[in-house]
Amino acid sequence: MIETAEAVRDQAAAALAQLRQAVAQAATTLQRLQDFRAECLARSAAGTLGATDGAGLQGYQRFVGRLDEAIALQQQEVRRREARVQEQQLRLQECQRKLMAFQALQRREVEAANARAQRREQREADEFAARAFGRQLRGSMP
């Protein structure tokens, strides 16, 4: 049981590590999108985009709008992945609790077996001493 619980706990820990990696990747992508948006806005403010006519400005606004949508979607993805990390942390904690319960049960079983063995040994020693004392008494009687 303990080996199985350890394996389940180890699998849960590995899954948590993978989910944390996925959060980091999603956060990196989000940061890149935000940096790109800031760079685009800085260039447009400096007049380097060349969109001076109405059609060019509309195209630029559509582009920034799509970029904002992509950023919003990526923010949702980061939050979704963070929620999965939290769920997996709870699973890992539950696996660890089960493992600790099995280990405690095993310790109690070992302690009970040791106590039984100690009582048996004491009983055998007492019986041996009683028999020896009985032989000694019989030997000293006239």
N, C-alpha and C. Protein backbone atom coordinates (compact mmCIF):
# COMPACT_ATOMS: atom_id res chain seq x y z
N MET A 1 0.81 -1.19 0.00
CA MET A 1 0.00 0.00 0.00
C MET A 1 0.86 1.26 0.00
N ILE A 2 1.90 1.24 0.82
CA ILE A 2 2.75 2.43 0.92
C ILE A 2 3.44 2.70 -0.40
N GLU A 3 3.93 1.63 -1.05
CA GLU A 3 4.62 1.82 -2.32
C GLU A 3 3.68 2.41 -3.36
N THR A 4 2.45 1.94 -3.38
CA THR A 4 1.46 2.48 -4.32
C THR A 4 1.17 3.94 -4.01
N ALA A 5 1.00 4.25 -2.73
CA ALA A 5 0.73 5.64 -2.34
C ALA A 5 1.90 6.54 -2.68
N GLU A 6 3.12 6.03 -2.52
CA GLU A 6 4.30 6.82 -2.89
C GLU A 6 4.33 7.07 -4.40
N ALA A 7 3.99 6.04 -5.17
CA ALA A 7 3.98 6.19 -6.63
C ALA A 7 2.93 7.21 -7.06
N VAL A 8 1.75 7.15 -6.45
CA VAL A 8 0.69 8.10 -6.78
C VAL A 8 1.11 9.51 -6.41
N ARG A 9 1.73 9.66 -5.23
CA ARG A 9 2.21 10.97 -4.79
C ARG A 9 3.28 11.50 -5.74
N ASP A 10 4.20 10.63 -6.16
CA ASP A 10 5.25 11.05 -7.08
C ASP A 10 4.68 11.48 -8.44
N GLN A 11 3.65 10.76 -8.89
CA GLN A 11 3.00 11.14 -10.16
C GLN A 11 2.32 12.50 -10.01
N ALA A 12 1.68 12.71 -8.88
CA ALA A 12 1.02 14.00 -8.64
C ALA A 12 2.04 15.14 -8.60
N ALA A 13 3.19 14.87 -8.00
CA ALA A 13 4.24 15.90 -7.94
C ALA A 13 4.79 16.20 -9.33
N ALA A 14 4.96 15.16 -10.14
CA ALA A 14 5.45 15.37 -11.51
C ALA A 14 4.43 16.15 -12.33
N ALA A 15 3.16 15.83 -12.16
CA ALA A 15 2.11 16.57 -12.88
C ALA A 15 2.09 18.03 -12.46
N LEU A 16 2.29 18.28 -11.17
CA LEU A 16 2.34 19.65 -10.68
C LEU A 16 3.51 20.40 -11.30
N ALA A 17 4.65 19.76 -11.39
CA ALA A 17 5.82 20.41 -12.00
C ALA A 17 5.54 20.76 -13.47
N GLN A 18 4.88 19.85 -14.18
CA GLN A 18 4.55 20.13 -15.59
C GLN A 18 3.57 21.29 -15.69
N LEU A 19 2.59 21.33 -14.81
CA LEU A 19 1.62 22.42 -14.85
C LEU A 19 2.28 23.75 -14.52
N ARG A 20 3.20 23.75 -13.59
CA ARG A 20 3.92 24.99 -13.27
C ARG A 20 4.74 25.45 -14.47
N GLN A 21 5.32 24.51 -15.19
CA GLN A 21 6.08 24.86 -16.40
C GLN A 21 5.14 25.47 -17.43
N ALA A 22 3.94 24.90 -17.56
CA ALA A 22 2.96 25.43 -18.52
C ALA A 22 2.54 26.85 -18.15
N VAL A 23 2.40 27.13 -16.86
CA VAL A 23 2.06 28.49 -16.42
C VAL A 23 3.19 29.44 -16.80
N ALA A 24 4.42 29.02 -16.57
CA ALA A 24 5.56 29.87 -16.89
C ALA A 24 5.61 30.17 -18.39
N GLN A 25 5.33 29.16 -19.21
CA GLN A 25 5.33 29.37 -20.66
C GLN A 25 4.22 30.33 -21.07
N ALA A 26 3.04 30.14 -20.51
CA ALA A 26 1.92 31.03 -20.85
C ALA A 26 2.20 32.45 -20.39
N ALA A 27 2.80 32.60 -19.23
CA ALA A 27 3.13 33.93 -18.72
C ALA A 27 4.19 34.60 -19.59
N THR A 28 5.14 33.82 -20.08
CA THR A 28 6.17 34.36 -20.98
C THR A 28 5.53 34.84 -22.28
N THR A 29 4.62 34.05 -22.82
CA THR A 29 3.92 34.45 -24.05
C THR A 29 3.12 35.72 -23.81
N LEU A 30 2.45 35.80 -22.68
CA LEU A 30 1.68 37.00 -22.34
C LEU A 30 2.60 38.21 -22.26
N GLN A 31 3.72 38.06 -21.60
CA GLN A 31 4.67 39.18 -21.47
C GLN A 31 5.17 39.63 -22.84
N ARG A 32 5.43 38.67 -23.72
CA ARG A 32 5.88 39.03 -25.08
C ARG A 32 4.81 39.82 -25.82
N LEU A 33 3.57 39.37 -25.70
CA LEU A 33 2.47 40.09 -26.36
C LEU A 33 2.35 41.51 -25.80
N GLN A 34 2.43 41.64 -24.49
CA GLN A 34 2.32 42.96 -23.87
C GLN A 34 3.50 43.85 -24.28
N ASP A 35 4.69 43.28 -24.33
CA ASP A 35 5.86 44.06 -24.76
C ASP A 35 5.71 44.50 -26.21
N PHE A 36 5.21 43.59 -27.06
CA PHE A 36 5.02 43.91 -28.47
C PHE A 36 4.00 45.03 -28.62
N ARG A 37 2.92 44.96 -27.85
CA ARG A 37 1.90 46.01 -27.91
C ARG A 37 2.49 47.35 -27.49
N ALA A 38 3.25 47.36 -26.40
CA ALA A 38 3.86 48.60 -25.93
C ALA A 38 4.83 49.15 -26.98
N GLU A 39 5.56 48.26 -27.62
CA GLU A 39 6.50 48.69 -28.67
C GLU A 39 5.75 49.30 -29.85
N CYS A 40 4.64 48.66 -30.24
CA CYS A 40 3.83 49.19 -31.35
C CYS A 40 3.27 50.57 -31.02
N LEU A 41 2.77 50.71 -29.81
CA LEU A 41 2.22 52.00 -29.40
C LEU A 41 3.31 53.07 -29.33
N ALA A 42 4.49 52.68 -28.89
CA ALA A 42 5.60 53.64 -28.83
C ALA A 42 6.00 54.07 -30.23
N ARG A 43 6.03 53.11 -31.16
CA ARG A 43 6.39 53.46 -32.53
C ARG A 43 5.33 54.34 -33.17
N SER A 44 4.06 54.07 -32.89
CA SER A 44 3.01 54.89 -33.49
C SER A 44 3.04 56.30 -32.91
N ALA A 45 3.37 56.41 -31.65
CA ALA A 45 3.48 57.74 -31.04
C ALA A 45 4.65 58.51 -31.63
N ALA A 46 5.68 57.80 -32.02
CA ALA A 46 6.86 58.45 -32.61
C ALA A 46 6.66 58.70 -34.10
N GLY A 47 5.55 58.23 -34.66
CA GLY A 47 5.27 58.47 -36.07
C GLY A 47 6.04 57.57 -37.01
N THR A 48 6.51 56.42 -36.52
CA THR A 48 7.32 55.55 -37.37
C THR A 48 6.51 54.48 -38.08
N LEU A 49 5.20 54.42 -37.84
CA LEU A 49 4.41 53.41 -38.52
C LEU A 49 3.97 53.85 -39.91
N GLY A 50 3.98 55.11 -40.16
CA GLY A 50 3.63 55.61 -41.49
C GLY A 50 2.15 55.61 -41.78
N ALA A 51 1.31 55.38 -40.79
CA ALA A 51 -0.13 55.35 -41.01
C ALA A 51 -0.69 56.75 -40.75
N THR A 52 -0.64 57.60 -41.78
CA THR A 52 -1.09 58.98 -41.59
C THR A 52 -2.46 59.21 -42.20
N ASP A 53 -2.90 58.36 -43.12
CA ASP A 53 -4.22 58.55 -43.72
C ASP A 53 -5.26 57.78 -42.90
N GLY A 54 -6.52 58.02 -43.19
CA GLY A 54 -7.62 57.40 -42.43
C GLY A 54 -7.62 55.89 -42.51
N ALA A 55 -7.41 55.35 -43.72
CA ALA A 55 -7.42 53.90 -43.88
C ALA A 55 -6.28 53.26 -43.11
N GLY A 56 -5.13 53.92 -43.16
CA GLY A 56 -3.98 53.39 -42.42
C GLY A 56 -4.22 53.39 -40.93
N LEU A 57 -4.86 54.46 -40.43
CA LEU A 57 -5.15 54.53 -39.00
C LEU A 57 -6.18 53.47 -38.59
N GLN A 58 -7.18 53.25 -39.46
CA GLN A 58 -8.17 52.22 -39.16
C GLN A 58 -7.52 50.84 -39.13
N GLY A 59 -6.66 50.58 -40.08
CA GLY A 59 -5.94 49.30 -40.10
C GLY A 59 -5.10 49.12 -38.85
N TYR A 60 -4.44 50.19 -38.45
CA TYR A 60 -3.60 50.14 -37.26
C TYR A 60 -4.47 49.89 -36.02
N GLN A 61 -5.61 50.56 -35.95
CA GLN A 61 -6.51 50.37 -34.81
C GLN A 61 -7.05 48.94 -34.76
N ARG A 62 -7.38 48.37 -35.94
CA ARG A 62 -7.83 46.97 -35.99
C ARG A 62 -6.71 46.04 -35.51
N PHE A 63 -5.49 46.34 -35.95
CA PHE A 63 -4.34 45.53 -35.54
C PHE A 63 -4.16 45.58 -34.02
N VAL A 64 -4.21 46.77 -33.45
CA VAL A 64 -4.05 46.91 -32.00
C VAL A 64 -5.23 46.24 -31.29
N GLY A 65 -6.43 46.34 -31.86
CA GLY A 65 -7.60 45.68 -31.28
C GLY A 65 -7.41 44.17 -31.25
N ARG A 66 -6.92 43.60 -32.35
CA ARG A 66 -6.67 42.15 -32.38
C ARG A 66 -5.56 41.77 -31.40
N LEU A 67 -4.57 42.63 -31.29
CA LEU A 67 -3.49 42.39 -30.34
C LEU A 67 -4.04 42.43 -28.91
N ASP A 68 -4.93 43.37 -28.63
CA ASP A 68 -5.56 43.42 -27.30
C ASP A 68 -6.39 42.16 -27.03
N GLU A 69 -7.09 41.67 -28.06
CA GLU A 69 -7.85 40.43 -27.91
C GLU A 69 -6.92 39.26 -27.61
N ALA A 70 -5.81 39.20 -28.32
CA ALA A 70 -4.84 38.13 -28.08
C ALA A 70 -4.29 38.21 -26.66
N ILE A 71 -4.04 39.42 -26.19
CA ILE A 71 -3.54 39.60 -24.82
C ILE A 71 -4.60 39.14 -23.82
N ALA A 72 -5.86 39.50 -24.05
CA ALA A 72 -6.94 39.09 -23.14
C ALA A 72 -7.08 37.57 -23.12
N LEU A 73 -7.00 36.95 -24.29
CA LEU A 73 -7.08 35.49 -24.36
C LEU A 73 -5.91 34.84 -23.62
N GLN A 74 -4.73 35.42 -23.79
CA GLN A 74 -3.55 34.86 -23.13
C GLN A 74 -3.65 35.05 -21.62
N GLN A 75 -4.22 36.17 -21.17
CA GLN A 75 -4.43 36.36 -19.73
C GLN A 75 -5.37 35.30 -19.18
N GLN A 76 -6.42 34.99 -19.94
CA GLN A 76 -7.35 33.94 -19.53
C GLN A 76 -6.63 32.59 -19.45
N GLU A 77 -5.76 32.35 -20.42
CA GLU A 77 -5.01 31.08 -20.44
C GLU A 77 -4.09 30.98 -19.22
N VAL A 78 -3.44 32.07 -18.88
CA VAL A 78 -2.57 32.08 -17.70
C VAL A 78 -3.40 31.78 -16.45
N ARG A 79 -4.55 32.44 -16.32
CA ARG A 79 -5.41 32.21 -15.15
C ARG A 79 -5.91 30.76 -15.11
N ARG A 80 -6.28 30.23 -16.28
CA ARG A 80 -6.76 28.84 -16.35
C ARG A 80 -5.67 27.88 -15.90
N ARG A 81 -4.46 28.12 -16.38
CA ARG A 81 -3.35 27.24 -16.00
C ARG A 81 -2.99 27.40 -14.53
N GLU A 82 -3.08 28.61 -14.01
CA GLU A 82 -2.82 28.82 -12.58
C GLU A 82 -3.85 28.09 -11.73
N ALA A 83 -5.10 28.08 -12.19
CA ALA A 83 -6.15 27.35 -11.47
C ALA A 83 -5.86 25.86 -11.47
N ARG A 84 -5.38 25.35 -12.60
CA ARG A 84 -5.02 23.92 -12.66
C ARG A 84 -3.86 23.61 -11.72
N VAL A 85 -2.92 24.54 -11.59
CA VAL A 85 -1.82 24.34 -10.64
C VAL A 85 -2.37 24.25 -9.22
N GLN A 86 -3.29 25.14 -8.88
CA GLN A 86 -3.88 25.10 -7.53
C GLN A 86 -4.62 23.79 -7.28
N GLU A 87 -5.36 23.33 -8.28
CA GLU A 87 -6.08 22.06 -8.15
C GLU A 87 -5.10 20.91 -7.95
N GLN A 88 -4.02 20.93 -8.71
CA GLN A 88 -3.03 19.85 -8.61
C GLN A 88 -2.30 19.91 -7.27
N GLN A 89 -2.09 21.12 -6.75
CA GLN A 89 -1.47 21.23 -5.42
C GLN A 89 -2.35 20.57 -4.37
N LEU A 90 -3.66 20.75 -4.49
CA LEU A 90 -4.59 20.11 -3.56
C LEU A 90 -4.54 18.59 -3.71
N ARG A 91 -4.47 18.11 -4.96
CA ARG A 91 -4.36 16.67 -5.18
C ARG A 91 -3.08 16.12 -4.56
N LEU A 92 -1.99 16.85 -4.76
CA LEU A 92 -0.71 16.42 -4.19
C LEU A 92 -0.78 16.38 -2.67
N GLN A 93 -1.39 17.39 -2.07
CA GLN A 93 -1.53 17.40 -0.61
C GLN A 93 -2.35 16.21 -0.13
N GLU A 94 -3.41 15.89 -0.86
CA GLU A 94 -4.24 14.73 -0.50
C GLU A 94 -3.45 13.44 -0.63
N CYS A 95 -2.67 13.31 -1.68
CA CYS A 95 -1.82 12.12 -1.85
C CYS A 95 -0.83 12.01 -0.71
N GLN A 96 -0.25 13.12 -0.31
CA GLN A 96 0.71 13.12 0.79
C GLN A 96 0.03 12.73 2.10
N ARG A 97 -1.19 13.24 2.32
CA ARG A 97 -1.94 12.87 3.54
C ARG A 97 -2.22 11.36 3.57
N LYS A 98 -2.63 10.81 2.43
CA LYS A 98 -2.90 9.37 2.37
C LYS A 98 -1.63 8.57 2.65
N LEU A 99 -0.54 8.99 2.05
CA LEU A 99 0.73 8.30 2.28
C LEU A 99 1.10 8.34 3.76
N MET A 100 0.97 9.50 4.36
CA MET A 100 1.31 9.63 5.78
C MET A 100 0.38 8.77 6.65
N ALA A 101 -0.89 8.65 6.26
CA ALA A 101 -1.82 7.81 7.00
C ALA A 101 -1.41 6.34 6.90
N PHE A 102 -1.03 5.91 5.70
CA PHE A 102 -0.57 4.52 5.52
C PHE A 102 0.70 4.27 6.32
N GLN A 103 1.60 5.24 6.32
CA GLN A 103 2.85 5.08 7.08
C GLN A 103 2.56 5.01 8.58
N ALA A 104 1.63 5.83 9.06
CA ALA A 104 1.27 5.79 10.48
C ALA A 104 0.62 4.45 10.82
N LEU A 105 -0.23 3.95 9.94
CA LEU A 105 -0.86 2.65 10.15
C LEU A 105 0.20 1.55 10.22
N GLN A 106 1.15 1.61 9.31
CA GLN A 106 2.21 0.61 9.32
C GLN A 106 3.03 0.69 10.61
N ARG A 107 3.35 1.91 11.05
CA ARG A 107 4.09 2.07 12.30
C ARG A 107 3.31 1.47 13.48
N ARG A 108 2.01 1.75 13.52
CA ARG A 108 1.19 1.20 14.61
C ARG A 108 1.16 -0.32 14.56
N GLU A 109 1.06 -0.89 13.35
CA GLU A 109 1.06 -2.35 13.22
C GLU A 109 2.39 -2.94 13.69
N VAL A 110 3.49 -2.30 13.33
CA VAL A 110 4.81 -2.77 13.77
C VAL A 110 4.93 -2.66 15.28
N GLU A 111 4.48 -1.54 15.84
CA GLU A 111 4.54 -1.36 17.29
C GLU A 111 3.69 -2.40 18.00
N ALA A 112 2.50 -2.69 17.47
CA ALA A 112 1.62 -3.70 18.08
C ALA A 112 2.27 -5.08 17.99
N ALA A 113 2.87 -5.40 16.86
CA ALA A 113 3.55 -6.70 16.71
C ALA A 113 4.72 -6.80 17.68
N ASN A 114 5.46 -5.72 17.83
CA ASN A 114 6.58 -5.72 18.77
C ASN A 114 6.09 -5.90 20.20
N ALA A 115 4.99 -5.24 20.54
CA ALA A 115 4.43 -5.36 21.89
C ALA A 115 3.96 -6.79 22.14
N ARG A 116 3.31 -7.41 21.14
CA ARG A 116 2.87 -8.81 21.29
C ARG A 116 4.08 -9.72 21.47
N ALA A 117 5.11 -9.50 20.68
CA ALA A 117 6.32 -10.33 20.79
C ALA A 117 6.96 -10.15 22.16
N GLN A 118 6.99 -8.94 22.65
CA GLN A 118 7.59 -8.67 23.95
C GLN A 118 6.78 -9.35 25.06
N ARG A 119 5.45 -9.28 24.97
CA ARG A 119 4.61 -9.95 25.97
C ARG A 119 4.81 -11.46 25.91
N ARG A 120 4.88 -12.02 24.71
CA ARG A 120 5.10 -13.46 24.55
C ARG A 120 6.44 -13.86 25.16
N GLU A 121 7.49 -13.09 24.87
CA GLU A 121 8.81 -13.39 25.43
C GLU A 121 8.79 -13.29 26.94
N GLN A 122 8.10 -12.29 27.48
CA GLN A 122 8.01 -12.14 28.93
C GLN A 122 7.26 -13.32 29.54
N ARG A 123 6.16 -13.73 28.89
CA ARG A 123 5.38 -14.87 29.38
C ARG A 123 6.23 -16.13 29.37
N GLU A 124 6.98 -16.35 28.29
CA GLU A 124 7.86 -17.52 28.20
C GLU A 124 8.94 -17.48 29.28
N ALA A 125 9.50 -16.29 29.51
CA ALA A 125 10.53 -16.16 30.55
C ALA A 125 9.93 -16.41 31.93
N ASP A 126 8.71 -15.91 32.16
CA ASP A 126 8.05 -16.14 33.45
C ASP A 126 7.75 -17.62 33.65
N GLU A 127 7.27 -18.29 32.58
CA GLU A 127 6.98 -19.72 32.68
C GLU A 127 8.26 -20.51 32.94
N PHE A 128 9.33 -20.15 32.27
CA PHE A 128 10.61 -20.83 32.47
C PHE A 128 11.07 -20.65 33.91
N ALA A 129 10.96 -19.42 34.43
CA ALA A 129 11.38 -19.15 35.81
C ALA A 129 10.50 -19.91 36.79
N ALA A 130 9.19 -19.99 36.52
CA ALA A 130 8.28 -20.72 37.42
C ALA A 130 8.62 -22.20 37.42
N ARG A 131 8.90 -22.77 36.25
CA ARG A 131 9.27 -24.19 36.19
C ARG A 131 10.58 -24.43 36.93
N ALA A 132 11.53 -23.55 36.74
CA ALA A 132 12.83 -23.71 37.41
C ALA A 132 12.64 -23.60 38.92
N PHE A 133 11.81 -22.68 39.37
CA PHE A 133 11.56 -22.52 40.79
C PHE A 133 10.85 -23.76 41.35
N GLY A 134 9.90 -24.28 40.57
CA GLY A 134 9.19 -25.50 40.99
C GLY A 134 10.14 -26.67 41.11
N ARG A 135 11.06 -26.84 40.19
CA ARG A 135 12.05 -27.92 40.26
C ARG A 135 12.95 -27.73 41.47
N GLN A 136 13.28 -26.49 41.73
CA GLN A 136 14.16 -26.19 42.86
C GLN A 136 13.44 -26.54 44.17
N LEU A 137 12.14 -26.20 44.23
CA LEU A 137 11.38 -26.52 45.44
C LEU A 137 11.25 -28.03 45.63
N ARG A 138 10.98 -28.75 44.56
CA ARG A 138 10.86 -30.20 44.65
C ARG A 138 12.18 -30.84 45.04
N GLY A 139 13.25 -30.28 44.56
CA GLY A 139 14.57 -30.82 44.87
C GLY A 139 14.98 -30.55 46.30
N SER A 140 14.46 -29.55 46.93
CA SER A 140 14.86 -29.22 48.30
C SER A 140 13.96 -29.87 49.34
N MET A 141 12.91 -30.54 48.94
CA MET A 141 12.00 -31.19 49.89
C MET A 141 12.55 -32.56 50.26
N PRO A 142 12.48 -32.92 51.56
CA PRO A 142 12.96 -34.24 51.99
C PRO A 142 12.01 -35.36 51.72
